[in-house]
Amino acid sequence: HYADIPGPNQSKAALIYKELRNNIIENMFTEYERTGFVWEQYHDMSGTGQRSHPFVGWSGVVVLMMSEHY
């Protein structure tokens, strides 16, 4: 991904990747602790789980994000 490509945006891309990855993992875990569910969607402003549960769908990709195996 862009953080691995040498150039003027490499360090910025790495920073954005790290911050986004951490925010997604932390939010999903916080909602799991709060509700006991992994949700299919999370509110874009509050981060609360919404709509379908228990239904993992694309939320299962977070496990790959945690392991960084993509």
PDB file of N, CA and C in Angstrom:
ATOM      1  N   HIS A   1       0.830  -1.183   0.000  1.00  0.00           N
ATOM      2  CA  HIS A   1       0.000   0.000   0.000  1.00  0.00           C
ATOM      3  C   HIS A   1       0.870   1.241   0.000  1.00  0.00           C
ATOM      4  N   TYR A   2       0.285   2.414   0.002  1.00  0.00           N
ATOM      5  CA  TYR A   2       1.029   3.655  -0.192  1.00  0.00           C
ATOM      6  C   TYR A   2       2.105   3.892   0.856  1.00  0.00           C
ATOM      7  N   ALA A   3       1.948   3.354   2.052  1.00  0.00           N
ATOM      8  CA  ALA A   3       2.969   3.530   3.084  1.00  0.00           C
ATOM      9  C   ALA A   3       4.249   2.772   2.741  1.00  0.00           C
ATOM     10  N   ASP A   4       4.169   1.822   1.830  1.00  0.00           N
ATOM     11  CA  ASP A   4       5.338   1.035   1.430  1.00  0.00           C
ATOM     12  C   ASP A   4       6.015   1.569   0.171  1.00  0.00           C
ATOM     13  N   ILE A   5       5.403   2.537  -0.483  1.00  0.00           N
ATOM     14  CA  ILE A   5       5.941   3.071  -1.733  1.00  0.00           C
ATOM     15  C   ILE A   5       6.753   4.331  -1.427  1.00  0.00           C
ATOM     16  N   PRO A   6       8.050   4.319  -1.744  1.00  0.00           N
ATOM     17  CA  PRO A   6       8.858   5.516  -1.499  1.00  0.00           C
ATOM     18  C   PRO A   6       8.297   6.724  -2.250  1.00  0.00           C
ATOM     19  N   GLY A   7       8.320   7.848  -1.589  1.00  0.00           N
ATOM     20  CA  GLY A   7       7.840   9.070  -2.218  1.00  0.00           C
ATOM     21  C   GLY A   7       7.453  10.095  -1.176  1.00  0.00           C
ATOM     22  N   PRO A   8       6.968  11.240  -1.638  1.00  0.00           N
ATOM     23  CA  PRO A   8       6.684  12.348  -0.728  1.00  0.00           C
ATOM     24  C   PRO A   8       5.522  12.087   0.236  1.00  0.00           C
ATOM     25  N   ASN A   9       4.660  11.128  -0.064  1.00  0.00           N
ATOM     26  CA  ASN A   9       3.498  10.869   0.795  1.00  0.00           C
ATOM     27  C   ASN A   9       3.634   9.603   1.641  1.00  0.00           C
ATOM     28  N   GLN A  10       4.790   8.972   1.593  1.00  0.00           N
ATOM     29  CA  GLN A  10       4.967   7.693   2.274  1.00  0.00           C
ATOM     30  C   GLN A  10       4.739   7.799   3.779  1.00  0.00           C
ATOM     31  N   SER A  11       5.344   8.760   4.443  1.00  0.00           N
ATOM     32  CA  SER A  11       5.201   8.853   5.903  1.00  0.00           C
ATOM     33  C   SER A  11       3.787   9.266   6.294  1.00  0.00           C
ATOM     34  N   LYS A  12       3.164  10.150   5.520  1.00  0.00           N
ATOM     35  CA  LYS A  12       1.780  10.559   5.799  1.00  0.00           C
ATOM     36  C   LYS A  12       0.827   9.378   5.618  1.00  0.00           C
ATOM     37  N   ALA A  13       1.016   8.587   4.569  1.00  0.00           N
ATOM     38  CA  ALA A  13       0.176   7.413   4.337  1.00  0.00           C
ATOM     39  C   ALA A  13       0.324   6.407   5.470  1.00  0.00           C
ATOM     40  N   ALA A  14       1.538   6.213   5.949  1.00  0.00           N
ATOM     41  CA  ALA A  14       1.772   5.284   7.062  1.00  0.00           C
ATOM     42  C   ALA A  14       1.070   5.768   8.323  1.00  0.00           C
ATOM     43  N   LEU A  15       1.103   7.056   8.575  1.00  0.00           N
ATOM     44  CA  LEU A  15       0.439   7.630   9.748  1.00  0.00           C
ATOM     45  C   LEU A  15      -1.080   7.484   9.650  1.00  0.00           C
ATOM     46  N   ILE A  16      -1.641   7.780   8.493  1.00  0.00           N
ATOM     47  CA  ILE A  16      -3.091   7.644   8.289  1.00  0.00           C
ATOM     48  C   ILE A  16      -3.512   6.185   8.450  1.00  0.00           C
ATOM     49  N   TYR A  17      -2.751   5.274   7.871  1.00  0.00           N
ATOM     50  CA  TYR A  17      -3.051   3.844   7.988  1.00  0.00           C
ATOM     51  C   TYR A  17      -3.078   3.410   9.450  1.00  0.00           C
ATOM     52  N   LYS A  18      -2.052   3.777  10.194  1.00  0.00           N
ATOM     53  CA  LYS A  18      -1.951   3.372  11.605  1.00  0.00           C
ATOM     54  C   LYS A  18      -3.113   3.933  12.421  1.00  0.00           C
ATOM     55  N   GLU A  19      -3.422   5.210  12.227  1.00  0.00           N
ATOM     56  CA  GLU A  19      -4.504   5.850  12.978  1.00  0.00           C
ATOM     57  C   GLU A  19      -5.863   5.239  12.627  1.00  0.00           C
ATOM     58  N   LEU A  20      -6.128   5.051  11.345  1.00  0.00           N
ATOM     59  CA  LEU A  20      -7.402   4.466  10.915  1.00  0.00           C
ATOM     60  C   LEU A  20      -7.548   3.037  11.430  1.00  0.00           C
ATOM     61  N   ARG A  21      -6.505   2.246  11.295  1.00  0.00           N
ATOM     62  CA  ARG A  21      -6.525   0.858  11.772  1.00  0.00           C
ATOM     63  C   ARG A  21      -6.816   0.811  13.269  1.00  0.00           C
ATOM     64  N   ASN A  22      -6.103   1.599  14.045  1.00  0.00           N
ATOM     65  CA  ASN A  22      -6.307   1.616  15.498  1.00  0.00           C
ATOM     66  C   ASN A  22      -7.714   2.069  15.867  1.00  0.00           C
ATOM     67  N   ASN A  23      -8.222   3.094  15.197  1.00  0.00           N
ATOM     68  CA  ASN A  23      -9.569   3.595  15.500  1.00  0.00           C
ATOM     69  C   ASN A  23     -10.645   2.549  15.211  1.00  0.00           C
ATOM     70  N   ILE A  24     -10.527   1.858  14.095  1.00  0.00           N
ATOM     71  CA  ILE A  24     -11.523   0.842  13.738  1.00  0.00           C
ATOM     72  C   ILE A  24     -11.500  -0.310  14.736  1.00  0.00           C
ATOM     73  N   ILE A  25     -10.309  -0.811  15.041  1.00  0.00           N
ATOM     74  CA  ILE A  25     -10.184  -1.931  15.981  1.00  0.00           C
ATOM     75  C   ILE A  25     -10.689  -1.531  17.359  1.00  0.00           C
ATOM     76  N   GLU A  26     -10.285  -0.362  17.839  1.00  0.00           N
ATOM     77  CA  GLU A  26     -10.707   0.096  19.167  1.00  0.00           C
ATOM     78  C   GLU A  26     -12.217   0.287  19.241  1.00  0.00           C
ATOM     79  N   ASN A  27     -12.808   0.892  18.217  1.00  0.00           N
ATOM     80  CA  ASN A  27     -14.251   1.127  18.229  1.00  0.00           C
ATOM     81  C   ASN A  27     -15.026  -0.184  18.219  1.00  0.00           C
ATOM     82  N   MET A  28     -14.611  -1.104  17.373  1.00  0.00           N
ATOM     83  CA  MET A  28     -15.318  -2.376  17.286  1.00  0.00           C
ATOM     84  C   MET A  28     -15.222  -3.146  18.604  1.00  0.00           C
ATOM     85  N   PHE A  29     -14.063  -3.135  19.216  1.00  0.00           N
ATOM     86  CA  PHE A  29     -13.884  -3.818  20.496  1.00  0.00           C
ATOM     87  C   PHE A  29     -14.707  -3.148  21.592  1.00  0.00           C
ATOM     88  N   THR A  30     -14.721  -1.818  21.623  1.00  0.00           N
ATOM     89  CA  THR A  30     -15.511  -1.080  22.616  1.00  0.00           C
ATOM     90  C   THR A  30     -16.987  -1.419  22.490  1.00  0.00           C
ATOM     91  N   GLU A  31     -17.493  -1.461  21.269  1.00  0.00           N
ATOM     92  CA  GLU A  31     -18.904  -1.797  21.058  1.00  0.00           C
ATOM     93  C   GLU A  31     -19.193  -3.254  21.404  1.00  0.00           C
ATOM     94  N   TYR A  32     -18.232  -4.133  21.141  1.00  0.00           N
ATOM     95  CA  TYR A  32     -18.418  -5.537  21.517  1.00  0.00           C
ATOM     96  C   TYR A  32     -18.498  -5.664  23.041  1.00  0.00           C
ATOM     97  N   GLU A  33     -17.618  -4.975  23.749  1.00  0.00           N
ATOM     98  CA  GLU A  33     -17.671  -5.000  25.218  1.00  0.00           C
ATOM     99  C   GLU A  33     -18.982  -4.422  25.731  1.00  0.00           C
ATOM    100  N   ARG A  34     -19.447  -3.345  25.120  1.00  0.00           N
ATOM    101  CA  ARG A  34     -20.657  -2.657  25.573  1.00  0.00           C
ATOM    102  C   ARG A  34     -21.916  -3.466  25.300  1.00  0.00           C
ATOM    103  N   THR A  35     -21.993  -4.103  24.129  1.00  0.00           N
ATOM    104  CA  THR A  35     -23.245  -4.745  23.719  1.00  0.00           C
ATOM    105  C   THR A  35     -23.185  -6.270  23.678  1.00  0.00           C
ATOM    106  N   GLY A  36     -21.978  -6.821  23.594  1.00  0.00           N
ATOM    107  CA  GLY A  36     -21.834  -8.265  23.444  1.00  0.00           C
ATOM    108  C   GLY A  36     -21.997  -8.737  22.015  1.00  0.00           C
ATOM    109  N   PHE A  37     -22.041  -7.803  21.063  1.00  0.00           N
ATOM    110  CA  PHE A  37     -22.226  -8.146  19.647  1.00  0.00           C
ATOM    111  C   PHE A  37     -21.166  -7.496  18.771  1.00  0.00           C
ATOM    112  N   VAL A  38     -20.853  -8.181  17.660  1.00  0.00           N
ATOM    113  CA  VAL A  38     -20.139  -7.565  16.548  1.00  0.00           C
ATOM    114  C   VAL A  38     -21.227  -7.127  15.583  1.00  0.00           C
ATOM    115  N   TRP A  39     -21.202  -5.885  15.211  1.00  0.00           N
ATOM    116  CA  TRP A  39     -22.244  -5.310  14.365  1.00  0.00           C
ATOM    117  C   TRP A  39     -21.784  -5.259  12.920  1.00  0.00           C
ATOM    118  N   GLU A  40     -22.727  -5.245  12.012  1.00  0.00           N
ATOM    119  CA  GLU A  40     -22.401  -5.111  10.595  1.00  0.00           C
ATOM    120  C   GLU A  40     -22.091  -3.659  10.245  1.00  0.00           C
ATOM    121  N   GLN A  41     -22.700  -2.710  10.946  1.00  0.00           N
ATOM    122  CA  GLN A  41     -22.475  -1.287  10.673  1.00  0.00           C
ATOM    123  C   GLN A  41     -22.220  -0.552  11.981  1.00  0.00           C
ATOM    124  N   TYR A  42     -21.454   0.528  11.859  1.00  0.00           N
ATOM    125  CA  TYR A  42     -21.157   1.390  12.996  1.00  0.00           C
ATOM    126  C   TYR A  42     -21.436   2.829  12.576  1.00  0.00           C
ATOM    127  N   HIS A  43     -22.096   3.570  13.450  1.00  0.00           N
ATOM    128  CA  HIS A  43     -22.453   4.957  13.146  1.00  0.00           C
ATOM    129  C   HIS A  43     -21.183   5.757  12.875  1.00  0.00           C
ATOM    130  N   ASP A  44     -21.188   6.546  11.811  1.00  0.00           N
ATOM    131  CA  ASP A  44     -19.975   7.261  11.401  1.00  0.00           C
ATOM    132  C   ASP A  44     -19.544   8.365  12.354  1.00  0.00           C
ATOM    133  N   MET A  45     -20.432   8.879  13.176  1.00  0.00           N
ATOM    134  CA  MET A  45     -20.055   9.937  14.115  1.00  0.00           C
ATOM    135  C   MET A  45     -19.856   9.405  15.540  1.00  0.00           C
ATOM    136  N   SER A  46     -20.786   8.573  16.010  1.00  0.00           N
ATOM    137  CA  SER A  46     -20.715   8.101  17.396  1.00  0.00           C
ATOM    138  C   SER A  46     -19.974   6.778  17.539  1.00  0.00           C
ATOM    139  N   GLY A  47     -19.901   6.004  16.467  1.00  0.00           N
ATOM    140  CA  GLY A  47     -19.251   4.708  16.521  1.00  0.00           C
ATOM    141  C   GLY A  47     -20.112   3.587  17.072  1.00  0.00           C
ATOM    142  N   THR A  48     -21.349   3.890  17.452  1.00  0.00           N
ATOM    143  CA  THR A  48     -22.209   2.854  18.010  1.00  0.00           C
ATOM    144  C   THR A  48     -22.612   1.853  16.936  1.00  0.00           C
ATOM    145  N   GLY A  49     -22.702   0.573  17.365  1.00  0.00           N
ATOM    146  CA  GLY A  49     -23.146  -0.469  16.456  1.00  0.00           C
ATOM    147  C   GLY A  49     -24.600  -0.249  16.092  1.00  0.00           C
ATOM    148  N   GLN A  50     -24.940  -0.555  14.854  1.00  0.00           N
ATOM    149  CA  GLN A  50     -26.321  -0.338  14.422  1.00  0.00           C
ATOM    150  C   GLN A  50     -26.736  -1.374  13.387  1.00  0.00           C
ATOM    151  N   ARG A  51     -28.011  -1.501  13.250  1.00  0.00           N
ATOM    152  CA  ARG A  51     -28.697  -2.384  12.312  1.00  0.00           C
ATOM    153  C   ARG A  51     -28.443  -3.851  12.617  1.00  0.00           C
ATOM    154  N   SER A  52     -27.772  -4.583  11.750  1.00  0.00           N
ATOM    155  CA  SER A  52     -27.718  -6.048  11.835  1.00  0.00           C
ATOM    156  C   SER A  52     -26.772  -6.564  12.920  1.00  0.00           C
ATOM    157  N   HIS A  53     -27.293  -7.445  13.744  1.00  0.00           N
ATOM    158  CA  HIS A  53     -26.484  -8.212  14.684  1.00  0.00           C
ATOM    159  C   HIS A  53     -27.289  -9.422  15.108  1.00  0.00           C
ATOM    160  N   PRO A  54     -26.762 -10.526  15.467  1.00  0.00           N
ATOM    161  CA  PRO A  54     -25.349 -10.845  15.253  1.00  0.00           C
ATOM    162  C   PRO A  54     -25.112 -11.254  13.795  1.00  0.00           C
ATOM    163  N   PHE A  55     -24.452 -10.431  13.077  1.00  0.00           N
ATOM    164  CA  PHE A  55     -24.119 -10.662  11.681  1.00  0.00           C
ATOM    165  C   PHE A  55     -22.787  -9.994  11.432  1.00  0.00           C
ATOM    166  N   VAL A  56     -21.779 -10.781  11.108  1.00  0.00           N
ATOM    167  CA  VAL A  56     -20.438 -10.228  11.002  1.00  0.00           C
ATOM    168  C   VAL A  56     -20.187  -9.591   9.641  1.00  0.00           C
ATOM    169  N   GLY A  57     -20.399 -10.311   8.546  1.00  0.00           N
ATOM    170  CA  GLY A  57     -20.172  -9.738   7.222  1.00  0.00           C
ATOM    171  C   GLY A  57     -18.810  -9.078   7.095  1.00  0.00           C
ATOM    172  N   TRP A  58     -18.805  -7.843   6.603  1.00  0.00           N
ATOM    173  CA  TRP A  58     -17.550  -7.118   6.394  1.00  0.00           C
ATOM    174  C   TRP A  58     -16.815  -6.812   7.690  1.00  0.00           C
ATOM    175  N   SER A  59     -17.510  -6.826   8.811  1.00  0.00           N
ATOM    176  CA  SER A  59     -16.838  -6.581  10.089  1.00  0.00           C
ATOM    177  C   SER A  59     -15.802  -7.659  10.386  1.00  0.00           C
ATOM    178  N   GLY A  60     -15.943  -8.828   9.770  1.00  0.00           N
ATOM    179  CA  GLY A  60     -14.960  -9.891   9.935  1.00  0.00           C
ATOM    180  C   GLY A  60     -13.593  -9.531   9.379  1.00  0.00           C
ATOM    181  N   VAL A  61     -13.540  -8.561   8.492  1.00  0.00           N
ATOM    182  CA  VAL A  61     -12.268  -8.113   7.922  1.00  0.00           C
ATOM    183  C   VAL A  61     -11.389  -7.479   9.003  1.00  0.00           C
ATOM    184  N   VAL A  62     -11.986  -7.025  10.083  1.00  0.00           N
ATOM    185  CA  VAL A  62     -11.216  -6.402  11.162  1.00  0.00           C
ATOM    186  C   VAL A  62     -10.213  -7.393  11.752  1.00  0.00           C
ATOM    187  N   VAL A  63     -10.543  -8.671  11.764  1.00  0.00           N
ATOM    188  CA  VAL A  63      -9.588  -9.685  12.237  1.00  0.00           C
ATOM    189  C   VAL A  63      -8.342  -9.671  11.356  1.00  0.00           C
ATOM    190  N   LEU A  64      -8.523  -9.529  10.054  1.00  0.00           N
ATOM    191  CA  LEU A  64      -7.376  -9.413   9.151  1.00  0.00           C
ATOM    192  C   LEU A  64      -6.603  -8.127   9.410  1.00  0.00           C
ATOM    193  N   MET A  65      -7.317  -7.052   9.717  1.00  0.00           N
ATOM    194  CA  MET A  65      -6.647  -5.793  10.045  1.00  0.00           C
ATOM    195  C   MET A  65      -5.794  -5.948  11.296  1.00  0.00           C
ATOM    196  N   MET A  66      -6.320  -6.677  12.277  1.00  0.00           N
ATOM    197  CA  MET A  66      -5.581  -6.882  13.518  1.00  0.00           C
ATOM    198  C   MET A  66      -4.292  -7.664  13.266  1.00  0.00           C
ATOM    199  N   SER A  67      -4.355  -8.652  12.393  1.00  0.00           N
ATOM    200  CA  SER A  67      -3.180  -9.475  12.102  1.00  0.00           C
ATOM    201  C   SER A  67      -2.307  -8.872  11.002  1.00  0.00           C
ATOM    202  N   GLU A  68      -2.842  -7.887  10.305  1.00  0.00           N
ATOM    203  CA  GLU A  68      -2.187  -7.239   9.171  1.00  0.00           C
ATOM    204  C   GLU A  68      -1.826  -8.246   8.077  1.00  0.00           C
ATOM    205  N   HIS A  69      -2.727  -9.200   7.852  1.00  0.00           N
ATOM    206  CA  HIS A  69      -2.579 -10.168   6.763  1.00  0.00           C
ATOM    207  C   HIS A  69      -3.633  -9.870   5.710  1.00  0.00           C
ATOM    208  N   TYR A  70      -3.240  -9.116   4.675  1.00  0.00           N
ATOM    209  CA  TYR A  70      -4.160  -8.826   3.587  1.00  0.00           C
ATOM    210  C   TYR A  70      -3.454  -9.123   2.287  1.00  0.00           C
TER     211      TYR A  70
END
